[in-house]
Protein backbone atom coordinates (compact mmCIF):
# COMPACT_ATOMS: atom_id res chain seq x y z
CA MET A 1 122.22 147.03 75.45
CA ASN A 2 118.79 147.41 77.51
CA GLY A 3 116.96 144.26 77.94
CA LEU A 4 113.88 145.43 76.28
CA ALA A 5 116.06 145.14 73.07
CA HIS A 6 116.61 141.51 74.11
CA ILE A 7 112.95 140.93 74.63
CA ALA A 8 111.86 142.42 71.39
CA LEU A 9 114.68 140.27 69.37
CA PHE A 10 113.43 137.07 71.27
CA ASN A 11 109.96 137.74 70.06
CA PHE A 12 111.25 138.60 66.36
CA ILE A 13 112.82 135.38 66.15
CA TYR A 14 109.79 133.59 67.59
CA GLU A 15 107.65 135.45 65.31
CA LEU A 16 109.69 134.76 62.04
CA SER A 17 110.89 130.89 62.72
CA GLY A 18 109.00 129.77 65.97
CA PRO A 19 110.19 128.50 69.27
CA GLU A 20 112.36 126.09 68.18
CA CYS A 21 114.55 128.59 66.39
CA LEU A 22 114.51 130.65 69.19
CA HIS A 23 115.67 127.95 71.46
CA GLN A 24 118.53 127.20 68.99
CA VAL A 25 119.75 130.65 69.04
CA LYS A 26 119.60 131.22 72.90
CA SER A 27 121.67 127.93 73.14
CA ALA A 28 124.18 128.89 70.38
CA ALA A 29 124.52 132.39 71.96
CA GLY A 30 125.16 130.54 75.49
CA LEU A 31 122.19 132.19 77.11
CA ASP A 32 120.23 130.19 79.93
CA GLU A 33 116.76 129.25 78.44
CA THR A 34 115.38 130.55 81.75
CA ARG A 35 117.01 133.61 82.09
CA GLN A 36 115.01 136.83 82.29
CA PHE A 37 115.84 140.31 80.83
CA GLU A 38 114.26 143.40 82.35
CA GLU A 39 113.40 146.70 80.50
CA GLY A 40 115.09 149.04 82.99
CA GLN A 41 118.63 147.20 82.91
CA PHE A 42 121.49 147.13 80.66
CA TYR A 43 123.16 144.01 79.84
CA ASP A 44 126.74 143.04 78.33
CA GLU A 45 127.39 144.47 74.81
CA GLU A 46 129.58 141.27 73.54
CA GLU A 47 126.74 138.92 74.68
CA TRP A 48 124.25 141.05 72.58
CA GLN A 49 126.67 140.78 69.49
CA ARG A 50 126.87 136.96 69.91
CA LEU A 51 123.04 136.89 70.04
CA PHE A 52 122.70 139.01 67.02
CA ASP A 53 125.37 136.92 65.05
CA GLU A 54 123.87 133.78 65.94
CA THR A 55 120.19 134.91 64.92
CA CYS A 56 121.80 135.88 61.61
CA SER A 57 123.21 132.53 61.07
CA ALA A 58 119.76 130.80 62.40
CA LEU A 59 117.56 132.70 59.95
CA ASN A 60 120.24 132.88 56.95
CA ILE A 61 120.20 136.45 56.53
CA SER A 62 122.83 139.20 56.53
CA ARG A 63 123.54 141.15 59.67
CA LYS A 64 122.33 144.52 57.71
CA ARG A 65 119.13 142.94 56.88
CA LEU A 66 118.30 141.72 60.37
CA ASP A 67 119.10 145.04 61.81
CA ILE A 68 116.65 146.96 59.41
CA MET A 69 113.95 144.11 60.22
CA PHE A 70 114.67 143.93 63.91
CA LYS A 71 114.33 147.93 64.06
CA LYS A 72 111.08 147.87 62.29
CA PHE A 73 109.72 145.03 64.55
CA PHE A 74 111.45 146.68 67.50
CA SER A 75 109.92 150.12 66.84
CA SER A 76 106.65 148.71 66.34
CA SER A 77 106.50 146.65 69.63
CA PRO A 78 103.28 147.32 71.97
CA SER A 79 105.57 148.28 74.80
CA LEU A 80 107.24 151.05 73.05
CA ASP A 81 103.79 152.74 72.10
CA ALA A 82 103.55 153.90 75.65
CA VAL A 83 106.57 155.81 75.71
CA ARG A 84 106.26 157.93 72.55
CA VAL A 85 107.17 161.61 73.14
CA ASN A 86 107.50 164.79 71.24
CA GLY A 87 110.71 165.13 69.61
CA MET A 88 110.91 161.76 68.10
CA PRO A 89 111.80 161.45 64.42
CA LYS A 90 109.12 162.69 61.80
CA SER A 91 108.83 159.34 60.31
CA ASP A 92 107.81 158.18 63.86
CA GLN A 93 105.49 161.02 64.10
CA PHE A 94 103.82 160.26 61.16
CA HIS A 95 103.71 156.64 62.12
CA VAL A 96 101.61 157.73 65.10
CA LYS A 97 99.40 159.81 62.96
CA LYS A 98 98.77 156.78 60.60
CA ILE A 99 100.26 158.73 57.55
CA CYS A 100 101.50 156.46 54.98
CA PRO A 101 104.97 157.45 53.69
CA LEU A 102 104.55 156.23 49.97
CA PRO A 103 102.59 159.41 48.51
CA PHE A 104 105.97 161.36 49.54
CA SER A 105 108.23 158.80 48.36
CA GLN A 106 107.29 156.66 45.35
CA LEU A 107 105.21 155.95 42.23
CA PHE A 108 103.78 153.04 40.97
CA LEU A 109 104.12 152.05 37.12
CA ASN A 110 101.61 149.77 35.81
CA ASN A 111 102.07 147.71 32.60
CA LYS A 112 99.61 150.03 30.64
CA GLY A 113 101.67 153.28 31.32
CA LYS A 114 99.55 154.50 34.00
CA ILE A 115 100.96 155.81 37.06
CA ASN A 116 99.40 154.85 40.31
CA PRO A 117 100.34 155.79 43.78
CA CYS A 118 100.93 152.00 44.70
CA GLY A 119 100.05 148.71 43.83
CA GLY A 120 97.02 148.85 46.10
CA LEU A 121 95.66 151.84 44.50
CA ARG A 122 95.71 150.76 40.85
CA HIS A 123 92.35 152.69 40.41
CA ILE A 124 93.81 156.10 41.21
CA GLU A 125 95.52 157.32 38.01
CA LEU A 126 98.08 160.23 38.41
CA GLY A 127 98.95 160.45 34.89
CA ASP A 128 100.17 158.21 32.10
CA ILE A 129 103.82 157.83 30.80
CA LYS A 130 102.58 158.25 27.33
CA ASP A 131 101.69 162.07 27.97
CA ASN A 132 103.86 162.98 30.86
CA ASN A 133 107.16 162.07 32.16
CA LEU A 134 107.71 160.94 35.77
CA GLU A 135 108.92 164.20 37.06
CA GLU A 136 105.74 166.02 35.88
CA ILE A 137 103.66 163.27 37.37
CA TRP A 138 105.59 163.46 40.56
CA HIS A 139 104.81 167.09 40.93
CA GLY A 140 101.35 167.00 39.33
CA LYS A 141 98.06 168.08 41.20
CA PRO A 142 96.88 164.46 41.40
CA MET A 143 99.87 163.58 43.27
CA GLN A 144 99.71 166.77 45.42
CA ASP A 145 95.99 166.01 46.28
CA LEU A 146 96.92 162.67 47.46
CA ARG A 147 99.53 163.85 49.58
CA GLN A 148 97.27 166.57 51.05
CA SER A 149 94.82 163.90 51.98
CA HIS A 150 97.30 162.34 54.20
CA LEU A 151 98.56 165.63 55.78
CA ASP A 152 94.99 166.73 56.60
CA GLY A 153 94.18 163.13 58.10
CA ASP A 154 91.11 162.35 55.88
CA PHE A 155 92.76 159.73 53.81
CA ARG A 156 89.85 159.96 51.47
CA PHE A 157 91.86 158.15 48.82
CA CYS A 158 93.43 155.58 50.82
CA LYS A 159 90.94 154.96 53.74
CA GLN A 160 89.22 151.69 52.56
CA HIS A 161 92.53 150.00 51.84
CA MET A 162 94.23 151.12 54.97
CA GLN A 163 91.42 149.59 56.96
CA ASN A 164 91.51 146.35 55.02
CA PHE A 165 95.53 145.81 54.99
CA ASN A 166 96.69 148.21 57.38
CA CYS A 167 99.21 148.83 54.67
CA HIS A 168 100.14 152.43 55.49
CA HIS A 169 102.36 150.68 58.51
CA THR A 170 103.90 148.43 55.77
CA HIS A 171 106.36 150.91 54.66
CA ASP A 172 106.08 153.48 57.31
CA LEU A 173 109.50 152.53 59.28
CA LEU A 174 111.52 152.77 56.14
CA GLU A 175 115.18 153.44 57.33
CA TYR A 176 115.42 156.43 54.80
CA ALA A 177 112.01 157.96 55.93
CA ASP A 178 113.40 161.02 57.45
CA ASP A 179 114.77 161.94 54.02
CA PHE A 180 111.43 162.86 52.85
CA GLU A 181 109.74 166.27 52.73
CA TYR A 182 106.28 165.65 54.16
CA THR A 183 104.69 168.68 51.73
CA ILE A 184 102.30 168.48 49.01
CA ASN A 185 105.19 169.39 46.56
CA PRO A 186 108.58 167.94 48.12
CA LYS A 187 111.59 169.12 46.44
CA THR A 188 113.38 165.79 47.22
CA PRO A 189 113.27 163.03 44.40
CA MET A 190 111.45 159.68 44.17
CA ARG A 191 113.36 157.22 46.58
CA ARG A 192 111.10 154.21 45.56
CA LEU A 193 109.67 152.67 42.64
CA ASP A 194 106.86 150.13 42.48
CA LEU A 195 107.09 148.42 38.92
CA ASP A 196 105.05 146.51 36.51
CA LEU A 197 106.76 147.46 33.69
CA ASN A 198 105.36 144.37 31.64
CA ALA A 199 102.42 142.22 31.72
CA TRP A 200 104.12 139.19 30.28
CA CYS A 201 103.81 135.88 32.44
CA ASN A 202 103.89 132.19 32.30
CA LEU A 203 100.82 131.91 34.57
CA LYS A 204 97.16 132.71 34.38
CA CYS A 205 96.26 132.82 37.97
CA ILE A 206 92.45 133.13 38.66
CA MET A 207 92.59 136.05 41.03
CA CYS A 208 94.94 137.90 38.84
CA GLU A 209 94.47 140.52 35.72
CA ASN A 210 97.93 141.57 35.05
CA TRP A 211 98.73 138.79 32.50
CA LYS A 212 95.93 140.46 30.67
CA GLY A 213 97.83 143.73 30.60
CA GLU A 214 100.12 145.43 27.96
CA ASN A 215 103.71 145.29 27.13
CA GLY A 216 106.02 147.82 25.49
CA SER A 217 104.54 150.78 27.36
CA TYR A 218 107.89 151.91 28.60
CA THR A 219 110.37 153.26 25.79
CA ASN A 220 113.63 154.86 26.00
CA GLU A 221 111.67 158.11 24.90
CA ASN A 222 109.33 158.28 27.52
CA PHE A 223 110.98 156.34 30.49
CA TRP A 224 114.42 154.97 30.16
CA ASP A 225 116.53 157.86 29.18
CA GLU A 226 115.12 160.14 31.71
CA ALA A 227 115.09 157.69 34.57
CA GLU A 228 118.74 156.73 34.10
CA THR A 229 119.83 160.36 34.94
CA LYS A 230 117.00 161.72 36.77
CA ILE A 231 115.32 158.91 38.79
CA PHE A 232 117.49 155.65 39.15
CA PRO A 233 120.50 157.51 41.04
CA TYR A 234 118.50 158.84 43.74
CA LEU A 235 116.39 155.52 44.56
CA HIS A 236 116.78 153.55 47.83
CA GLU A 237 114.40 150.99 46.72
CA VAL A 238 112.63 149.03 43.72
CA ALA A 239 109.98 146.53 43.89
CA LEU A 240 109.27 144.43 40.91
CA LYS A 241 105.95 142.67 40.52
CA GLY A 242 103.66 141.27 37.83
CA GLY A 243 103.44 139.83 35.16
CA GLU A 244 106.52 137.64 35.85
CA PRO A 245 109.49 139.81 36.48
CA MET A 246 112.12 137.08 36.40
CA LEU A 247 111.24 136.11 32.54
CA GLN A 248 110.98 139.73 31.32
CA GLU A 249 113.90 141.43 29.81
CA ASP A 250 113.13 144.78 30.99
CA THR A 251 114.02 143.23 34.49
CA TYR A 252 117.63 142.42 33.55
CA ARG A 253 117.89 145.81 31.59
CA LEU A 254 117.07 147.25 34.87
CA MET A 255 119.38 145.26 36.79
CA ASP A 256 122.29 146.29 34.51
CA THR A 257 121.39 149.85 34.67
CA LEU A 258 120.86 150.19 38.49
CA GLY A 259 123.80 147.90 39.04
CA ARG A 260 125.75 150.60 37.20
CA VAL A 261 124.45 153.85 38.37
CA ASN A 262 123.18 153.10 41.78
CA PRO A 263 124.32 149.78 43.06
CA ALA A 264 123.21 150.50 46.68
CA CYS A 265 119.69 150.65 45.83
CA ARG A 266 117.94 147.69 47.39
CA TRP A 267 115.48 145.26 45.57
CA ASN A 268 112.08 143.35 46.46
CA ILE A 269 111.04 140.87 43.99
CA THR A 270 107.60 139.02 43.87
CA THR A 271 107.93 136.10 41.56
CA ASN A 272 105.65 132.69 41.04
CA GLY A 273 108.96 130.45 40.97
CA GLN A 274 107.90 128.76 37.98
CA TYR A 275 111.20 128.36 36.12
CA LYS A 276 114.49 127.22 37.00
CA LEU A 277 116.86 129.41 38.50
CA SER A 278 119.64 129.75 35.83
CA LYS A 279 123.32 130.86 35.56
CA ARG A 280 122.55 133.94 33.94
CA MET A 281 119.45 135.04 36.38
CA MET A 282 122.12 134.59 39.55
CA GLU A 283 124.88 136.64 37.52
CA LYS A 284 122.32 139.46 36.97
CA MET A 285 121.00 139.38 40.65
CA ASP A 286 124.76 139.41 42.02
CA GLN A 287 125.00 143.00 40.51
CA VAL A 288 122.27 144.38 42.74
CA GLU A 289 121.58 144.56 46.47
CA ILE A 290 118.41 142.37 47.18
CA GLU A 291 116.17 142.87 50.11
CA SER A 292 113.62 140.19 49.71
CA ILE A 293 112.38 137.82 47.08
CA GLY A 294 108.92 136.59 47.82
CA ILE A 295 107.56 133.32 46.08
CA SER A 296 103.73 133.29 45.46
CA LEU A 297 102.74 130.00 46.86
CA ASP A 298 99.07 130.44 48.04
CA SER A 299 98.82 126.71 48.49
CA LEU A 300 100.90 123.66 49.56
CA ASN A 301 98.21 121.27 48.22
CA HIS A 302 99.18 120.33 44.42
CA GLU A 303 95.50 120.13 43.38
CA THR A 304 94.71 123.49 44.96
CA TYR A 305 98.01 125.16 43.72
CA ALA A 306 97.29 123.91 40.11
CA LYS A 307 93.74 125.33 40.28
CA VAL A 308 94.60 128.64 41.67
CA ARG A 309 97.91 129.34 39.49
CA LYS A 310 96.72 128.13 36.39
CA GLY A 311 99.37 126.79 34.23
CA GLY A 312 101.98 125.99 37.17
CA THR A 313 102.89 123.22 39.44
CA LEU A 314 103.44 123.38 43.12
CA GLU A 315 106.60 121.11 42.69
CA LYS A 316 108.35 123.82 40.43
CA SER A 317 108.08 126.68 43.17
CA LEU A 318 109.00 124.48 45.87
CA ILE A 319 112.33 123.76 44.20
CA MET A 320 112.67 127.30 43.59
CA ILE A 321 112.59 127.98 47.09
CA ASP A 322 115.40 125.26 47.90
CA ASP A 323 117.25 126.99 44.99
CA LEU A 324 117.00 130.19 46.36
CA ILE A 325 118.13 129.31 49.69
CA LYS A 326 121.31 127.76 48.10
CA TYR A 327 121.88 130.92 46.20
CA ASN A 328 121.25 133.17 49.06
CA GLU A 329 124.18 131.37 50.98
CA SER A 330 126.39 131.64 48.11
CA ARG A 331 125.94 135.52 48.28
CA GLY A 332 128.06 135.79 51.30
CA LYS A 333 127.34 136.65 54.81
CA GLU A 334 126.78 140.38 54.35
CA ARG A 335 124.53 140.02 51.28
CA LYS A 336 121.91 137.73 51.99
CA PHE A 337 118.24 138.58 51.60
CA LEU A 338 114.83 137.66 53.05
CA ILE A 339 112.93 134.94 51.11
CA LEU A 340 109.20 134.84 51.78
CA ALA A 341 106.53 132.52 51.05
CA ASN A 342 103.32 134.81 49.85
CA MET A 343 100.01 133.29 50.74
CA LEU A 344 96.63 134.86 49.69
CA ILE A 345 93.73 133.55 51.89
CA THR A 346 90.97 132.52 49.53
CA GLN A 347 88.14 130.42 49.86
CA ASP A 348 90.38 127.62 48.33
CA THR A 349 93.32 128.13 50.75
CA TYR A 350 91.68 129.60 54.16
CA GLN A 351 92.42 126.16 56.03
CA GLU A 352 96.21 125.85 55.09
CA ILE A 353 97.65 128.39 57.59
CA PRO A 354 98.78 125.86 59.86
CA ASP A 355 100.70 124.02 56.98
CA PHE A 356 102.43 127.03 55.82
CA PHE A 357 103.66 128.09 59.28
CA LYS A 358 105.03 124.47 59.49
CA TYR A 359 106.84 124.88 55.83
CA THR A 360 108.28 128.09 56.55
CA THR A 361 109.55 127.31 60.12
CA GLN A 362 111.12 124.30 58.62
CA LYS A 363 112.78 126.32 55.73
CA ARG A 364 113.63 129.58 58.02
CA ILE A 365 111.85 131.62 55.49
CA LYS A 366 109.03 134.12 56.29
CA LEU A 367 105.32 133.62 55.81
CA ASN A 368 103.62 136.86 54.14
CA ALA A 369 99.83 135.87 54.35
CA GLU A 370 97.10 138.22 53.43
CA ILE A 371 93.30 138.01 52.84
CA LEU A 372 92.31 138.16 49.34
CA MET A 373 90.18 141.30 48.79
CA VAL A 374 89.25 141.11 44.91
CA PRO A 375 87.64 139.62 43.07
CA TYR A 376 85.10 139.51 45.82
CA THR A 377 83.72 136.02 44.41
CA LEU A 378 87.08 134.24 45.50
CA SER A 379 87.30 136.04 48.76
CA ILE A 380 86.41 134.78 52.13
CA TRP A 381 84.50 137.82 52.70
CA ALA A 382 81.84 136.50 50.32
CA PHE A 383 81.10 133.74 52.84
CA ASN A 384 78.11 134.06 55.05
CA GLU A 385 78.36 134.95 58.84
CA ASN A 386 78.19 131.37 60.07
CA LYS A 387 81.08 130.21 57.74
CA ARG A 388 83.27 133.19 58.98
CA LEU A 389 82.41 132.28 62.52
CA GLU A 390 83.76 128.88 61.89
CA ILE A 391 86.90 130.31 60.32
CA PHE A 392 87.29 132.64 63.27
CA HIS A 393 87.05 129.92 65.90
CA SER A 394 89.44 127.53 63.83
CA TYR A 395 91.90 130.11 63.58
CA VAL A 396 91.79 131.20 67.42
CA ASP A 397 92.24 127.55 68.09
CA GLN A 398 95.52 127.30 65.78
CA ASN A 399 97.03 130.52 67.12
CA GLU A 400 96.33 129.52 70.72
CA ILE A 401 99.22 127.18 69.99
CA LEU A 402 101.41 129.59 67.73
CA LEU A 403 100.75 132.77 69.45
CA ASN A 404 101.79 134.48 66.16
CA THR A 405 101.03 138.41 65.96
CA LYS A 406 100.51 138.37 62.35
CA PHE A 407 98.00 135.50 62.41
CA PHE A 408 96.27 137.59 65.27
CA GLY A 409 96.09 140.40 62.60
CA ILE A 410 94.34 138.02 60.34
CA ILE A 411 92.14 136.81 63.02
CA SER A 412 91.15 140.62 63.84
CA LYS A 413 90.23 141.24 60.15
CA VAL A 414 87.74 138.16 60.62
CA PHE A 415 86.22 139.39 63.78
CA ASN A 416 86.00 142.95 62.46
CA SER A 417 83.73 141.48 59.55
CA LEU A 418 81.16 139.91 61.68
CA SER A 419 78.02 141.46 62.92
CA ALA A 420 77.64 143.08 66.38
CA GLU A 421 75.92 140.04 67.50
CA GLY A 422 78.71 137.79 66.12
CA LYS A 423 81.47 140.14 67.65
CA ILE A 424 79.92 139.75 71.03
CA SER A 425 79.72 135.81 70.75
CA CYS A 426 83.47 135.82 70.01
CA LEU A 427 84.79 138.51 72.31
CA GLU A 428 85.74 136.48 75.23
CA ARG A 429 87.74 134.06 72.81
CA TYR A 430 89.28 137.21 70.89
CA GLU A 431 90.34 139.07 74.28
CA GLY A 432 91.45 135.85 75.49
CA LEU A 433 93.97 135.41 72.81
CA SER A 434 95.10 138.95 72.84
CA LYS A 435 95.91 138.51 76.46
CA LYS A 436 98.13 135.57 75.66
CA ILE A 437 99.95 137.03 72.77
CA SER A 438 100.33 140.29 75.19
CA LEU A 439 102.23 137.98 77.91
CA ARG A 440 104.15 136.39 75.25
CA LEU A 441 105.29 139.40 73.60
CA ASN A 442 106.36 141.25 76.36
CA ASN A 443 107.70 138.32 78.61
CA ILE A 444 104.88 139.00 81.34
CA HIS A 445 106.10 142.87 81.30
CA GLN A 446 103.00 144.20 79.68
CA THR A 447 99.63 143.91 81.25
CA THR A 448 97.83 145.92 78.40
CA PRO A 449 96.02 143.70 76.14
CA PHE A 450 97.27 143.25 72.66
CA VAL A 451 93.68 143.70 71.04
CA SER A 452 93.46 146.66 68.99
CA SER A 453 91.36 149.51 70.26
CA ASP A 454 89.65 150.29 67.27
CA ILE A 455 88.68 146.73 66.80
CA LEU A 456 86.72 146.75 70.08
CA ASP A 457 85.38 150.27 69.23
CA SER A 458 83.54 148.60 66.51
CA VAL A 459 81.55 146.60 69.00
CA PRO A 460 78.57 148.76 69.98
CA LYS A 461 78.54 149.98 73.37
CA SER A 462 75.17 148.62 73.96
CA VAL A 463 76.33 145.10 72.94
CA LYS A 464 79.61 145.40 75.07
CA ASP A 465 77.39 146.42 78.15
CA CYS A 466 75.48 143.36 77.62
CA SER A 467 78.49 141.34 77.51
CA ILE A 468 79.67 142.65 80.72
CA LYS A 469 76.52 141.86 82.38
CA LYS A 470 76.47 138.28 81.12
CA GLY A 471 80.08 137.80 82.16
CA MET A 472 79.03 138.83 85.94
CA GLY A 473 75.82 136.92 85.94
CA ILE A 474 73.56 139.84 85.50
CA THR A 475 70.31 139.48 83.49
CA ASP A 476 67.92 142.47 82.83
């Protein structure tokens, strides 16, 4: 096994569960903590397999799940960007071009019966299940226009969302991405469904509108009968979202049906965890292959949680996470799934990132943190620049200890929200943190700063020139 793979795996473990977990894995695999691995050298395959197995054990996920996750991390490692060449798989070519694979692979079904491209583009309607079936919508002109915008590279429907969330890279390394036809009217069937089949929820979260939605939009006539024969058998993945899917009967009908017609389909479930994990739930989940279950926490402070997730208590969600960890273990070594703690960074929660890293590291689960965009009044983007500067410096202080790339991505978004003058006042700290993360990521094999070029491009040249002069002690 190439030493580059070792370096990438070590960084993957560090990113997911911190340096203590990495030390535990190395020790269990019999690796000297100070041993260096070189990119151009090859190492014992048995040693690699032992290291991989110990990683599965430490992170409490299946070998298959780790293999998929590791490939995603490894394929997006900065050290690989320099060696991308012609002849790569088409999904990797589109990765370089920043094309999102979702318009070529999925539809999003919202609870009102409106069909959208994805959960992030709910304002773009591709059709209505009450007027057209899914196959007609899949091949319809609105969907073709969306695909064309990606093939042309203008991304006119998605550009702002791509800039805010980098969402086109969330799914661009799907293991089945090379099965797609990247054309405006692909003959390949849908491979993924994003689902809000019903709106019913046991909470009324202040940043969410889903619980105000509709129920009963999807009937046998307009969805279930067609989907069972023309859609479900070809799916690689389903993603269940709001209202609260684990308390909706449609979820269990879907599990029963897919468990029968397509048991290999993988499931990603987002839940608030405000219920007891019952025997029935576990029996239903046993029928399907679960890729991930994300519990939306947002806050680890009891009072803040109650304020944000109205009708819920933090204690219930924390108990649910512990119960899910136990249930995950009961599924057996090869069927374990990834457990995530979802955090929306808002005006109420932005100070809690260190607490979340500490909690998720202790539980050996993954932190999934995103900055809330809407409603704007609850977002940190509504803060004035002085407050965002304060958040920037606080986050840099915290990440100089963690050296986490996901956290750095959040810092980059805060940096990019600043004025030119604000950016230049932070540029030295920003680039310094970038270099520290680059050294950690690449085991001192990479000299290129990790800082994204498009972020630095947003700083006007005149301001950067001023910064260079200032750094050299030159004054006008």
